[in-house]
Structures are given as C-alpha cells and as structure tokens.
Amino acid sequence: MTSHDRQQQHHNVEQVGTVTMMSANFSEHNVHEGVERPKGGFQPASYTSHFVEVDGSRLHYLDYGTAGRSPILCVHGGAAHGHWFDFFAPGFVADFHVRALDFRGHGDSQWMNPPDYTYEAHAADLAAVAEMLDLRDFVLIGHSMGGLVSLLYAATYPGRIRVLIIVDSTLRMTEDRVAMLRNVGNRPGSRYATHEEFLTRYRLRPEGTTAAPEIIRHLAAHGGRQLPNGTWTHKFDRNVYAQRNGFDGIPHCRKLTIPTLVVKGGRSPRVTPQLIAEAQAQCPSLELAEVPYADHHVFLDNPLGFERVVKAFLSKYL
C-alpha cells in the first residue's frame, strides 16, 4: 500500500458474485472415531462474495446470510482464509447473519506493499470493516492468529462487539515462536505444476488435524493461486509470516468487559492451564471450553462438537 493509498478513505462495498460449492466425495480415512459425521458428509454453506476498501486496501469477505439476524463475524488464522468457516456457517445461518473476513495478505484480500501485517494493523482493519458493515452487538469469533487479533480488537475498540470467542489461540506469541514463523516466511513457498497437484498435496499446518477429507479438499480449492508461469502456489503473502511480530494478549484481557470464551481443541497443546490462569487473573469472567477429538483446527476437526460449544455459550448471553 503506497503513501498515496493511505491518504484515501474508501467506504465502498462491492458484491462480486454468488457461489455455492458442494463437497467432493472422498474416502473416510481421515474421519476419526468420535467425530460425528452427517449423513452424506459435511456440506459447505452457500455465500455471496464481497469487497470493502479500507484506507486504499481491498479486503474480501464472505456473507452467508441471514440478513436481519444478529451478526457473527469470523476471522481466520495465519495463512488461512475466510472459507475455513464454510462448514461453520450452516449451523448458524438460521438464527444469525454470518460473515467471514479475509485478512489483508490472505485469501482474496489485497497484499500490502510495503508489507504491513502486524496484529495492530489487522485489528484496525477489523474495526473499519465492523464500522462499514454497521455491525452492532455482534459476535466475534477468531481462530489462532485471528483470535489474538480479535482479543486486541475487543480491548482497543470497545462498543460494537457483544461476545468474543477465541479459538485455540496461544494468547501469547513468544519470541521463539515469532522467530520460527519468520524463518518459514523467509523461505520460498512450494510450487506445483498443476492445480490438481496443488489440491492433492494440500495439507493443513500444524499437522494432527482430524478434519474430513472433503473439508480439506474444499479449503484447498479456495487456497491456491496460479503464477504467471502457470504453476500453482498458496494464496497468502509469505510476508505474513516473514514479518510476524511478537504479541502478549494477556495484559489486554483486563480490558475485556464482554462475555469471553476461549475454546480449546481437546488434542491441541496451544491453550495451556497456565495461560488460562493468567488470562482469568486479568479477566475473571473469561470462560474455557474444550471440543473433544479436535486438534488446533477445532471447527474443521470436529464441526458439530464446536457448534455445540458455541451455541451453549451464546445461549447464555444472547
């Protein structure tokens, strides 16, 4: 984003199309015992695709409906995209208006030039999008990096958000973790000769997911981009990792005045008892819930288990 871009204040909303994508029919080898599977497999929600402009940068979001209902805004983790919530939305559109944002440098949102992917920048984008869409008393759900961004947003921009749900976020980005991510980001990304090779070799990171094969294939279908030479690679800007900054979310917990839930994957080591104890020392009302049979990618690994946890929490406050 140039200095000229930063001087421009655009509050435009553009609808670019309506898409309904059906799940592919894959084998059951990645469906682990204990994870409920709907008859016929997991089906993604239909959605409309939109762009908004924030300070000269173009951000993409998905709108699953239903207009006029209480709003839910979902934000993804690092190197992911809004379509990660395509399998979350079906359980909520009857009662809520669900949207999912692509952070800058991710999905179909614009890459920043020069790169600027700090937690603070993402939180400012989130504030601008919430204002543009006139989200009031909304539920904010953030996974991994998106959980830290959501925590920072709730602490820094109070007033619009009503409920905060942080999904398997470490709450504190240590310097050794930041160094590891920067090392990953500074390496060239993988290249694939064809789109089918990209789809076939697509993997979730970190490893350990229990997500169904049709979910992973669906994410892959939305996660690649073709380069000028015809090869394929991942959609996100690698500077998202290369320029990752440290962040301690614990002190921000003391500023939370809204119902807040941290959701832990039952098999994930990221949310430790020590972190929760520190967070609750700052915000005694903060609650913890665990989704069984799920690793870090909680709502992909056990979609129905995650749905139950979220609905139980929302039923207490909405």
C-alpha atoms as a PDB file:
ATOM      1  CA  MET A   1       0.000   0.000   0.000  1.00  0.00           C
ATOM      2  CA  THR A   2       1.573   3.299  -1.076  1.00  0.00           C
ATOM      3  CA  SER A   3       1.531   6.566   0.868  1.00  0.00           C
ATOM      4  CA  HIS A   4      -0.999   7.821  -1.653  1.00  0.00           C
ATOM      5  CA  ASP A   5      -3.202   4.815  -0.891  1.00  0.00           C
ATOM      6  CA  ARG A   6      -3.045   5.545   2.830  1.00  0.00           C
ATOM      7  CA  GLN A   7      -4.430   9.022   2.259  1.00  0.00           C
ATOM      8  CA  GLN A   8      -7.544   7.662   0.568  1.00  0.00           C
ATOM      9  CA  GLN A   9     -10.575   6.761   2.692  1.00  0.00           C
ATOM     10  CA  HIS A  10     -12.855   4.450   0.745  1.00  0.00           C
ATOM     11  CA  HIS A  11     -16.001   3.068   2.284  1.00  0.00           C
ATOM     12  CA  ASN A  12     -17.278   1.147  -0.700  1.00  0.00           C
ATOM     13  CA  VAL A  13     -18.964  -2.235  -0.603  1.00  0.00           C
ATOM     14  CA  GLU A  14     -18.912  -4.331  -3.773  1.00  0.00           C
ATOM     15  CA  GLN A  15     -20.711  -7.603  -4.385  1.00  0.00           C
ATOM     16  CA  VAL A  16     -18.821  -9.704  -6.910  1.00  0.00           C
ATOM     17  CA  GLY A  17     -20.870 -12.823  -7.207  1.00  0.00           C
ATOM     18  CA  THR A  18     -22.750 -15.641  -5.598  1.00  0.00           C
ATOM     19  CA  VAL A  19     -21.172 -19.066  -5.248  1.00  0.00           C
ATOM     20  CA  THR A  20     -22.454 -22.360  -3.957  1.00  0.00           C
ATOM     21  CA  MET A  21     -19.801 -25.081  -3.761  1.00  0.00           C
ATOM     22  CA  MET A  22     -20.576 -28.693  -2.936  1.00  0.00           C
ATOM     23  CA  SER A  23     -18.214 -31.026  -1.121  1.00  0.00           C
ATOM     24  CA  ALA A  24     -16.347 -33.653  -3.076  1.00  0.00           C
ATOM     25  CA  ASN A  25     -16.942 -37.285  -2.150  1.00  0.00           C
ATOM     26  CA  PHE A  26     -13.741 -38.664  -0.650  1.00  0.00           C
ATOM     27  CA  SER A  27     -12.799 -41.680   1.433  1.00  0.00           C
ATOM     28  CA  GLU A  28     -13.436 -41.883   5.161  1.00  0.00           C
ATOM     29  CA  HIS A  29      -9.790 -42.452   6.169  1.00  0.00           C
ATOM     30  CA  ASN A  30      -9.418 -39.036   7.808  1.00  0.00           C
ATOM     31  CA  VAL A  31     -12.640 -39.166   9.834  1.00  0.00           C
ATOM     32  CA  HIS A  32     -11.543 -40.182  13.312  1.00  0.00           C
ATOM     33  CA  GLU A  33     -13.596 -42.122  15.796  1.00  0.00           C
ATOM     34  CA  GLY A  34     -15.622 -39.808  17.993  1.00  0.00           C
ATOM     35  CA  VAL A  35     -16.234 -37.092  15.382  1.00  0.00           C
ATOM     36  CA  GLU A  36     -19.868 -37.033  14.289  1.00  0.00           C
ATOM     37  CA  ARG A  37     -20.310 -37.068  10.536  1.00  0.00           C
ATOM     38  CA  PRO A  38     -23.595 -36.022   8.928  1.00  0.00           C
ATOM     39  CA  LYS A  39     -25.183 -38.457   6.537  1.00  0.00           C
ATOM     40  CA  GLY A  40     -23.761 -37.634   3.124  1.00  0.00           C
ATOM     41  CA  GLY A  41     -20.730 -35.877   4.557  1.00  0.00           C
ATOM     42  CA  PHE A  42     -20.055 -32.275   5.538  1.00  0.00           C
ATOM     43  CA  GLN A  43     -21.582 -29.673   3.234  1.00  0.00           C
ATOM     44  CA  PRO A  44     -20.277 -26.089   2.968  1.00  0.00           C
ATOM     45  CA  ALA A  45     -22.657 -23.147   3.181  1.00  0.00           C
ATOM     46  CA  SER A  46     -23.639 -21.072   0.191  1.00  0.00           C
ATOM     47  CA  TYR A  47     -22.357 -17.499   0.280  1.00  0.00           C
ATOM     48  CA  THR A  48     -22.000 -14.232  -1.565  1.00  0.00           C
ATOM     49  CA  SER A  49     -18.579 -12.693  -2.126  1.00  0.00           C
ATOM     50  CA  HIS A  50     -17.915  -9.011  -1.381  1.00  0.00           C
ATOM     51  CA  PHE A  51     -15.086  -6.484  -1.163  1.00  0.00           C
ATOM     52  CA  VAL A  52     -14.676  -3.412   1.018  1.00  0.00           C
ATOM     53  CA  GLU A  53     -11.952  -0.781   0.783  1.00  0.00           C
ATOM     54  CA  VAL A  54     -10.117   0.292   3.918  1.00  0.00           C
ATOM     55  CA  ASP A  55      -7.611   3.119   3.611  1.00  0.00           C
ATOM     56  CA  GLY A  56      -6.956   2.208  -0.013  1.00  0.00           C
ATOM     57  CA  SER A  57      -6.616  -1.542   0.538  1.00  0.00           C
ATOM     58  CA  ARG A  58      -9.180  -4.010  -0.782  1.00  0.00           C
ATOM     59  CA  LEU A  59     -10.449  -6.572   1.723  1.00  0.00           C
ATOM     60  CA  HIS A  60     -12.626  -9.543   0.850  1.00  0.00           C
ATOM     61  CA  TYR A  61     -15.344 -11.133   2.929  1.00  0.00           C
ATOM     62  CA  LEU A  62     -17.957 -13.850   2.588  1.00  0.00           C
ATOM     63  CA  ASP A  63     -21.598 -13.322   3.511  1.00  0.00           C
ATOM     64  CA  TYR A  64     -23.538 -16.478   4.342  1.00  0.00           C
ATOM     65  CA  GLY A  65     -26.732 -14.703   5.481  1.00  0.00           C
ATOM     66  CA  THR A  66     -29.231 -14.364   7.065  1.00  0.00           C
ATOM     67  CA  ALA A  67     -29.853 -10.613   6.777  1.00  0.00           C
ATOM     68  CA  GLY A  68     -31.689  -9.040   9.688  1.00  0.00           C
ATOM     69  CA  ARG A  69     -30.435 -11.581  12.250  1.00  0.00           C
ATOM     70  CA  SER A  70     -27.847 -10.990  14.962  1.00  0.00           C
ATOM     71  CA  PRO A  71     -24.414 -10.689  13.327  1.00  0.00           C
ATOM     72  CA  ILE A  72     -21.477 -13.062  13.667  1.00  0.00           C
ATOM     73  CA  LEU A  73     -18.108 -12.119  12.162  1.00  0.00           C
ATOM     74  CA  CYS A  74     -15.475 -14.857  11.817  1.00  0.00           C
ATOM     75  CA  VAL A  75     -11.752 -14.298  11.303  1.00  0.00           C
ATOM     76  CA  HIS A  76      -9.212 -16.954  10.378  1.00  0.00           C
ATOM     77  CA  GLY A  77      -5.669 -17.788  11.401  1.00  0.00           C
ATOM     78  CA  GLY A  78      -2.346 -17.116   9.716  1.00  0.00           C
ATOM     79  CA  ALA A  79      -2.002 -18.306   6.089  1.00  0.00           C
ATOM     80  CA  ALA A  80      -5.700 -19.313   6.049  1.00  0.00           C
ATOM     81  CA  HIS A  81      -8.754 -17.613   4.524  1.00  0.00           C
ATOM     82  CA  GLY A  82     -12.431 -16.928   5.141  1.00  0.00           C
ATOM     83  CA  HIS A  83     -13.565 -20.178   3.539  1.00  0.00           C
ATOM     84  CA  TRP A  84     -12.361 -22.007   6.634  1.00  0.00           C
ATOM     85  CA  PHE A  85     -15.757 -21.044   8.076  1.00  0.00           C
ATOM     86  CA  ASP A  86     -17.789 -22.502   5.190  1.00  0.00           C
ATOM     87  CA  PHE A  87     -18.553 -25.551   7.348  1.00  0.00           C
ATOM     88  CA  PHE A  88     -19.262 -23.498  10.472  1.00  0.00           C
ATOM     89  CA  ALA A  89     -21.891 -21.267   8.877  1.00  0.00           C
ATOM     90  CA  PRO A  90     -24.558 -23.918   8.111  1.00  0.00           C
ATOM     91  CA  GLY A  91     -25.252 -24.456  11.800  1.00  0.00           C
ATOM     92  CA  PHE A  92     -25.822 -20.748  12.484  1.00  0.00           C
ATOM     93  CA  VAL A  93     -27.465 -19.044   9.499  1.00  0.00           C
ATOM     94  CA  ALA A  94     -30.967 -19.911  10.728  1.00  0.00           C
ATOM     95  CA  ASP A  95     -30.501 -17.630  13.717  1.00  0.00           C
ATOM     96  CA  PHE A  96     -27.595 -15.344  12.800  1.00  0.00           C
ATOM     97  CA  HIS A  97     -26.164 -13.257   9.981  1.00  0.00           C
ATOM     98  CA  VAL A  98     -22.763 -14.879   9.492  1.00  0.00           C
ATOM     99  CA  ARG A  99     -19.797 -13.334   7.661  1.00  0.00           C
ATOM    100  CA  ALA A 100     -16.125 -14.301   7.362  1.00  0.00           C
ATOM    101  CA  LEU A 101     -13.305 -11.897   6.546  1.00  0.00           C
ATOM    102  CA  ASP A 102     -10.075 -12.476   4.631  1.00  0.00           C
ATOM    103  CA  PHE A 103      -7.356 -10.581   6.486  1.00  0.00           C
ATOM    104  CA  ARG A 104      -5.030  -8.393   4.416  1.00  0.00           C
ATOM    105  CA  GLY A 105      -2.471 -10.569   2.640  1.00  0.00           C
ATOM    106  CA  HIS A 106      -4.763 -13.615   2.847  1.00  0.00           C
ATOM    107  CA  GLY A 107      -7.391 -15.216   0.640  1.00  0.00           C
ATOM    108  CA  ASP A 108      -8.751 -12.750  -1.897  1.00  0.00           C
ATOM    109  CA  SER A 109      -7.803  -9.642   0.082  1.00  0.00           C
ATOM    110  CA  GLN A 110      -5.082  -7.310  -1.146  1.00  0.00           C
ATOM    111  CA  TRP A 111      -1.413  -7.793  -0.321  1.00  0.00           C
ATOM    112  CA  MET A 112       0.269  -4.816   1.328  1.00  0.00           C
ATOM    113  CA  ASN A 113       3.164  -3.029  -0.383  1.00  0.00           C
ATOM    114  CA  PRO A 114       5.234  -2.382   1.624  1.00  0.00           C
ATOM    115  CA  PRO A 115       4.229  -5.344   3.806  1.00  0.00           C
ATOM    116  CA  ASP A 116       2.321  -4.448   6.978  1.00  0.00           C
ATOM    117  CA  TYR A 117       0.848  -7.428   8.786  1.00  0.00           C
ATOM    118  CA  THR A 118       1.054  -6.582  12.458  1.00  0.00           C
ATOM    119  CA  TYR A 119      -1.661  -7.567  14.893  1.00  0.00           C
ATOM    120  CA  GLU A 120      -2.389  -3.871  15.294  1.00  0.00           C
ATOM    121  CA  ALA A 121      -2.913  -3.420  11.538  1.00  0.00           C
ATOM    122  CA  HIS A 122      -5.269  -6.398  11.368  1.00  0.00           C
ATOM    123  CA  ALA A 123      -7.233  -5.099  14.369  1.00  0.00           C
ATOM    124  CA  ALA A 124      -7.565  -1.674  12.738  1.00  0.00           C
ATOM    125  CA  ASP A 125      -8.879  -3.338   9.571  1.00  0.00           C
ATOM    126  CA  LEU A 126     -11.352  -5.283  11.676  1.00  0.00           C
ATOM    127  CA  ALA A 127     -12.562  -2.065  13.296  1.00  0.00           C
ATOM    128  CA  ALA A 128     -13.018  -0.418   9.896  1.00  0.00           C
ATOM    129  CA  VAL A 129     -14.924  -3.388   8.475  1.00  0.00           C
ATOM    130  CA  ALA A 130     -17.207  -3.560  11.521  1.00  0.00           C
ATOM    131  CA  GLU A 131     -17.978   0.133  11.069  1.00  0.00           C
ATOM    132  CA  MET A 132     -18.545  -0.130   7.315  1.00  0.00           C
ATOM    133  CA  LEU A 133     -20.897  -3.067   7.715  1.00  0.00           C
ATOM    134  CA  ASP A 134     -22.524  -1.330  10.688  1.00  0.00           C
ATOM    135  CA  LEU A 135     -22.062  -4.379  12.898  1.00  0.00           C
ATOM    136  CA  ARG A 136     -23.594  -3.749  16.312  1.00  0.00           C
ATOM    137  CA  ASP A 137     -23.784  -6.109  19.281  1.00  0.00           C
ATOM    138  CA  PHE A 138     -22.030  -8.686  17.148  1.00  0.00           C
ATOM    139  CA  VAL A 139     -20.344 -11.962  17.966  1.00  0.00           C
ATOM    140  CA  LEU A 140     -16.668 -12.078  17.005  1.00  0.00           C
ATOM    141  CA  ILE A 141     -15.061 -15.494  16.501  1.00  0.00           C
ATOM    142  CA  GLY A 142     -11.316 -15.632  15.870  1.00  0.00           C
ATOM    143  CA  HIS A 143      -9.141 -18.694  15.300  1.00  0.00           C
ATOM    144  CA  SER A 144      -5.415 -18.893  16.105  1.00  0.00           C
ATOM    145  CA  MET A 145      -3.812 -15.630  14.871  1.00  0.00           C
ATOM    146  CA  GLY A 146      -7.350 -14.342  14.322  1.00  0.00           C
ATOM    147  CA  GLY A 147      -8.084 -14.999  17.984  1.00  0.00           C
ATOM    148  CA  LEU A 148      -5.246 -12.704  19.027  1.00  0.00           C
ATOM    149  CA  VAL A 149      -6.412 -10.066  16.559  1.00  0.00           C
ATOM    150  CA  SER A 150      -9.944 -10.402  17.944  1.00  0.00           C
ATOM    151  CA  LEU A 151      -8.695 -10.028  21.511  1.00  0.00           C
ATOM    152  CA  LEU A 152      -6.767  -6.896  20.558  1.00  0.00           C
ATOM    153  CA  TYR A 153      -9.795  -5.522  18.704  1.00  0.00           C
ATOM    154  CA  ALA A 154     -12.131  -6.125  21.651  1.00  0.00           C
ATOM    155  CA  ALA A 155      -9.699  -4.447  24.045  1.00  0.00           C
ATOM    156  CA  THR A 156      -8.891  -1.498  21.778  1.00  0.00           C
ATOM    157  CA  TYR A 157     -12.188  -0.791  20.015  1.00  0.00           C
ATOM    158  CA  PRO A 158     -14.971  -1.440  22.545  1.00  0.00           C
ATOM    159  CA  GLY A 159     -18.597  -0.596  21.880  1.00  0.00           C
ATOM    160  CA  ARG A 160     -19.721  -2.720  18.944  1.00  0.00           C
ATOM    161  CA  ILE A 161     -18.791  -6.248  19.985  1.00  0.00           C
ATOM    162  CA  ARG A 162     -21.110  -8.150  22.330  1.00  0.00           C
ATOM    163  CA  VAL A 163     -19.468 -11.581  22.639  1.00  0.00           C
ATOM    164  CA  LEU A 164     -15.889 -12.679  21.976  1.00  0.00           C
ATOM    165  CA  ILE A 165     -14.909 -16.277  21.168  1.00  0.00           C
ATOM    166  CA  ILE A 166     -11.201 -17.081  20.843  1.00  0.00           C
ATOM    167  CA  VAL A 167     -10.479 -20.451  19.246  1.00  0.00           C
ATOM    168  CA  ASP A 168      -7.270 -22.302  20.156  1.00  0.00           C
ATOM    169  CA  SER A 169      -5.080 -19.190  20.248  1.00  0.00           C
ATOM    170  CA  THR A 170      -1.932 -19.348  22.314  1.00  0.00           C
ATOM    171  CA  LEU A 171      -2.746 -15.870  23.810  1.00  0.00           C
ATOM    172  CA  ARG A 172       0.971 -15.059  23.828  1.00  0.00           C
ATOM    173  CA  MET A 173       3.308 -15.024  20.827  1.00  0.00           C
ATOM    174  CA  THR A 174       6.735 -15.677  22.291  1.00  0.00           C
ATOM    175  CA  GLU A 175       9.943 -14.582  20.591  1.00  0.00           C
ATOM    176  CA  ASP A 176      10.971 -18.154  19.781  1.00  0.00           C
ATOM    177  CA  ARG A 177       7.597 -18.763  18.136  1.00  0.00           C
ATOM    178  CA  VAL A 178       7.935 -15.499  16.171  1.00  0.00           C
ATOM    179  CA  ALA A 179      11.455 -16.488  15.057  1.00  0.00           C
ATOM    180  CA  MET A 180      10.176 -19.840  13.798  1.00  0.00           C
ATOM    181  CA  LEU A 181       7.392 -18.192  11.776  1.00  0.00           C
ATOM    182  CA  ARG A 182       9.777 -15.630  10.312  1.00  0.00           C
ATOM    183  CA  ASN A 183      12.079 -18.424   9.234  1.00  0.00           C
ATOM    184  CA  VAL A 184       9.181 -20.136   7.465  1.00  0.00           C
ATOM    185  CA  GLY A 185       8.104 -16.894   5.799  1.00  0.00           C
ATOM    186  CA  ASN A 186      11.577 -16.118   4.504  1.00  0.00           C
ATOM    187  CA  ARG A 187      11.790 -19.438   2.675  1.00  0.00           C
ATOM    188  CA  PRO A 188      10.339 -19.639  -0.853  1.00  0.00           C
ATOM    189  CA  GLY A 189       6.934 -21.225  -0.991  1.00  0.00           C
ATOM    190  CA  SER A 190       6.253 -24.562  -2.661  1.00  0.00           C
ATOM    191  CA  ARG A 191       5.298 -24.611  -6.336  1.00  0.00           C
ATOM    192  CA  TYR A 192       3.035 -27.158  -8.018  1.00  0.00           C
ATOM    193  CA  ALA A 193       2.964 -27.937 -11.725  1.00  0.00           C
ATOM    194  CA  THR A 194      -0.832 -28.185 -11.949  1.00  0.00           C
ATOM    195  CA  HIS A 195      -3.875 -27.205  -9.945  1.00  0.00           C
ATOM    196  CA  GLU A 196      -4.678 -30.870  -9.389  1.00  0.00           C
ATOM    197  CA  GLU A 197      -1.220 -31.421  -7.901  1.00  0.00           C
ATOM    198  CA  PHE A 198      -1.808 -28.460  -5.593  1.00  0.00           C
ATOM    199  CA  LEU A 199      -5.144 -29.923  -4.478  1.00  0.00           C
ATOM    200  CA  THR A 200      -3.708 -33.384  -3.975  1.00  0.00           C
ATOM    201  CA  ARG A 201      -0.721 -32.235  -1.924  1.00  0.00           C
ATOM    202  CA  TYR A 202      -2.540 -29.594   0.122  1.00  0.00           C
ATOM    203  CA  ARG A 203      -2.044 -30.086   3.862  1.00  0.00           C
ATOM    204  CA  LEU A 204      -3.137 -28.258   6.988  1.00  0.00           C
ATOM    205  CA  ARG A 205      -0.445 -26.960   9.305  1.00  0.00           C
ATOM    206  CA  PRO A 206       0.206 -27.764  12.057  1.00  0.00           C
ATOM    207  CA  GLU A 207      -0.240 -31.476  11.461  1.00  0.00           C
ATOM    208  CA  GLY A 208      -2.611 -33.565  13.536  1.00  0.00           C
ATOM    209  CA  THR A 209      -5.916 -32.485  12.035  1.00  0.00           C
ATOM    210  CA  THR A 210      -8.901 -34.817  12.212  1.00  0.00           C
ATOM    211  CA  ALA A 211     -10.771 -32.868   9.509  1.00  0.00           C
ATOM    212  CA  ALA A 212     -12.738 -34.890   6.977  1.00  0.00           C
ATOM    213  CA  PRO A 213     -11.146 -35.206   3.511  1.00  0.00           C
ATOM    214  CA  GLU A 214     -13.925 -33.258   1.803  1.00  0.00           C
ATOM    215  CA  ILE A 215     -13.289 -30.330   4.153  1.00  0.00           C
ATOM    216  CA  ILE A 216      -9.571 -30.281   3.369  1.00  0.00           C
ATOM    217  CA  ARG A 217     -10.227 -30.566  -0.363  1.00  0.00           C
ATOM    218  CA  HIS A 218     -12.684 -27.667  -0.145  1.00  0.00           C
ATOM    219  CA  LEU A 219     -10.138 -25.467   1.614  1.00  0.00           C
ATOM    220  CA  ALA A 220      -7.542 -26.356  -0.988  1.00  0.00           C
ATOM    221  CA  ALA A 221      -9.929 -25.395  -3.784  1.00  0.00           C
ATOM    222  CA  HIS A 222     -10.024 -21.871  -2.351  1.00  0.00           C
ATOM    223  CA  GLY A 223      -6.414 -21.720  -1.167  1.00  0.00           C
ATOM    224  CA  GLY A 224      -4.314 -21.614  -4.336  1.00  0.00           C
ATOM    225  CA  ARG A 225      -3.302 -19.062  -6.936  1.00  0.00           C
ATOM    226  CA  GLN A 226      -1.757 -19.537 -10.352  1.00  0.00           C
ATOM    227  CA  LEU A 227       1.540 -17.805 -11.093  1.00  0.00           C
ATOM    228  CA  PRO A 228       2.404 -16.186 -14.459  1.00  0.00           C
ATOM    229  CA  ASN A 229       4.458 -19.261 -15.431  1.00  0.00           C
ATOM    230  CA  GLY A 230       1.427 -21.495 -14.969  1.00  0.00           C
ATOM    231  CA  THR A 231       2.466 -23.161 -11.716  1.00  0.00           C
ATOM    232  CA  TRP A 232       0.381 -23.024  -8.544  1.00  0.00           C
ATOM    233  CA  THR A 233       1.158 -21.918  -5.004  1.00  0.00           C
ATOM    234  CA  HIS A 234      -0.627 -20.890  -1.817  1.00  0.00           C
ATOM    235  CA  LYS A 235      -2.661 -17.677  -1.861  1.00  0.00           C
ATOM    236  CA  PHE A 236      -1.255 -15.885   1.162  1.00  0.00           C
ATOM    237  CA  ASP A 237       1.602 -13.370   1.165  1.00  0.00           C
ATOM    238  CA  ARG A 238       4.598 -15.065   2.801  1.00  0.00           C
ATOM    239  CA  ASN A 239       5.422 -11.751   4.469  1.00  0.00           C
ATOM    240  CA  VAL A 240       2.516 -12.575   6.789  1.00  0.00           C
ATOM    241  CA  TYR A 241       4.995 -14.949   8.419  1.00  0.00           C
ATOM    242  CA  ALA A 242       8.258 -13.233   7.490  1.00  0.00           C
ATOM    243  CA  GLN A 243       7.240 -10.044   9.307  1.00  0.00           C
ATOM    244  CA  ARG A 244       5.304 -11.584  12.205  1.00  0.00           C
ATOM    245  CA  ASN A 245       5.628  -9.530  15.377  1.00  0.00           C
ATOM    246  CA  GLY A 246       5.520 -10.660  18.977  1.00  0.00           C
ATOM    247  CA  PHE A 247       2.325 -10.113  20.929  1.00  0.00           C
ATOM    248  CA  ASP A 248       1.261 -10.726  24.514  1.00  0.00           C
ATOM    249  CA  GLY A 249      -2.505 -10.885  24.729  1.00  0.00           C
ATOM    250  CA  ILE A 250      -2.686 -11.484  28.481  1.00  0.00           C
ATOM    251  CA  PRO A 251      -2.497  -7.803  29.557  1.00  0.00           C
ATOM    252  CA  HIS A 252      -5.299  -6.977  27.103  1.00  0.00           C
ATOM    253  CA  CYS A 253      -7.611  -9.378  28.929  1.00  0.00           C
ATOM    254  CA  ARG A 254      -8.050  -6.877  31.760  1.00  0.00           C
ATOM    255  CA  LYS A 255      -9.789  -4.525  29.310  1.00  0.00           C
ATOM    256  CA  LEU A 256     -12.445  -7.078  28.354  1.00  0.00           C
ATOM    257  CA  THR A 257     -15.910  -6.142  29.591  1.00  0.00           C
ATOM    258  CA  ILE A 258     -17.908  -8.546  27.414  1.00  0.00           C
ATOM    259  CA  PRO A 259     -18.602 -12.290  27.710  1.00  0.00           C
ATOM    260  CA  THR A 260     -15.458 -14.052  26.503  1.00  0.00           C
ATOM    261  CA  LEU A 261     -14.918 -17.732  25.754  1.00  0.00           C
ATOM    262  CA  VAL A 262     -11.649 -19.473  24.917  1.00  0.00           C
ATOM    263  CA  VAL A 263     -12.240 -22.719  23.021  1.00  0.00           C
ATOM    264  CA  LYS A 264      -9.522 -25.341  23.197  1.00  0.00           C
ATOM    265  CA  GLY A 265      -9.101 -28.306  20.894  1.00  0.00           C
ATOM    266  CA  GLY A 266      -9.056 -31.398  23.092  1.00  0.00           C
ATOM    267  CA  ARG A 267      -5.883 -32.660  21.408  1.00  0.00           C
ATOM    268  CA  SER A 268      -4.210 -29.273  20.966  1.00  0.00           C
ATOM    269  CA  PRO A 269      -1.362 -28.161  23.267  1.00  0.00           C
ATOM    270  CA  ARG A 270      -1.668 -24.438  22.491  1.00  0.00           C
ATOM    271  CA  VAL A 271      -4.061 -23.343  25.235  1.00  0.00           C
ATOM    272  CA  THR A 272      -2.293 -24.331  28.435  1.00  0.00           C
ATOM    273  CA  PRO A 273      -3.647 -24.226  32.004  1.00  0.00           C
ATOM    274  CA  GLN A 274      -1.011 -21.609  32.814  1.00  0.00           C
ATOM    275  CA  LEU A 275      -2.160 -19.288  30.032  1.00  0.00           C
ATOM    276  CA  ILE A 276      -5.794 -19.627  31.065  1.00  0.00           C
ATOM    277  CA  ALA A 277      -4.906 -18.942  34.705  1.00  0.00           C
ATOM    278  CA  GLU A 278      -3.030 -15.790  33.678  1.00  0.00           C
ATOM    279  CA  ALA A 279      -5.893 -14.656  31.440  1.00  0.00           C
ATOM    280  CA  GLN A 280      -8.511 -15.270  34.144  1.00  0.00           C
ATOM    281  CA  ALA A 281      -6.386 -13.346  36.658  1.00  0.00           C
ATOM    282  CA  GLN A 282      -6.859 -10.347  34.356  1.00  0.00           C
ATOM    283  CA  CYS A 283     -10.451 -11.171  33.358  1.00  0.00           C
ATOM    284  CA  PRO A 284     -12.144 -13.414  35.971  1.00  0.00           C
ATOM    285  CA  SER A 285     -15.267 -13.821  33.836  1.00  0.00           C
ATOM    286  CA  LEU A 286     -13.313 -15.405  30.954  1.00  0.00           C
ATOM    287  CA  GLU A 287     -14.546 -18.952  30.348  1.00  0.00           C
ATOM    288  CA  LEU A 288     -12.866 -22.034  28.882  1.00  0.00           C
ATOM    289  CA  ALA A 289     -14.487 -24.841  26.877  1.00  0.00           C
ATOM    290  CA  GLU A 290     -12.949 -27.863  25.202  1.00  0.00           C
ATOM    291  CA  VAL A 291     -14.008 -29.570  21.990  1.00  0.00           C
ATOM    292  CA  PRO A 292     -13.159 -33.293  22.059  1.00  0.00           C
ATOM    293  CA  TYR A 293     -11.467 -35.140  19.198  1.00  0.00           C
ATOM    294  CA  ALA A 294     -10.134 -31.851  17.819  1.00  0.00           C
ATOM    295  CA  ASP A 295      -6.621 -30.565  17.354  1.00  0.00           C
ATOM    296  CA  HIS A 296      -5.694 -26.960  16.549  1.00  0.00           C
ATOM    297  CA  HIS A 297      -8.174 -26.616  13.668  1.00  0.00           C
ATOM    298  CA  VAL A 298     -11.072 -27.081  16.051  1.00  0.00           C
ATOM    299  CA  PHE A 299     -14.067 -26.188  13.878  1.00  0.00           C
ATOM    300  CA  LEU A 300     -12.673 -28.208  10.954  1.00  0.00           C
ATOM    301  CA  ASP A 301     -11.664 -31.214  13.048  1.00  0.00           C
ATOM    302  CA  ASN A 302     -14.978 -31.559  14.897  1.00  0.00           C
ATOM    303  CA  PRO A 303     -17.526 -29.175  13.327  1.00  0.00           C
ATOM    304  CA  LEU A 304     -20.572 -30.408  15.248  1.00  0.00           C
ATOM    305  CA  GLY A 305     -18.704 -30.501  18.558  1.00  0.00           C
ATOM    306  CA  PHE A 306     -17.575 -26.918  18.017  1.00  0.00           C
ATOM    307  CA  GLU A 307     -21.099 -25.889  17.046  1.00  0.00           C
ATOM    308  CA  ARG A 308     -22.497 -27.266  20.306  1.00  0.00           C
ATOM    309  CA  VAL A 309     -19.905 -25.438  22.418  1.00  0.00           C
ATOM    310  CA  VAL A 310     -20.517 -22.107  20.686  1.00  0.00           C
ATOM    311  CA  LYS A 311     -24.312 -22.394  20.814  1.00  0.00           C
ATOM    312  CA  ALA A 312     -24.245 -23.278  24.511  1.00  0.00           C
ATOM    313  CA  PHE A 313     -22.155 -20.184  25.260  1.00  0.00           C
ATOM    314  CA  LEU A 314     -24.229 -17.853  23.090  1.00  0.00           C
ATOM    315  CA  SER A 315     -27.460 -19.105  24.663  1.00  0.00           C
ATOM    316  CA  LYS A 316     -26.318 -17.619  27.985  1.00  0.00           C
ATOM    317  CA  TYR A 317     -25.697 -14.120  26.657  1.00  0.00           C
ATOM    318  CA  LEU A 318     -27.893 -13.508  23.590  1.00  0.00           C
END
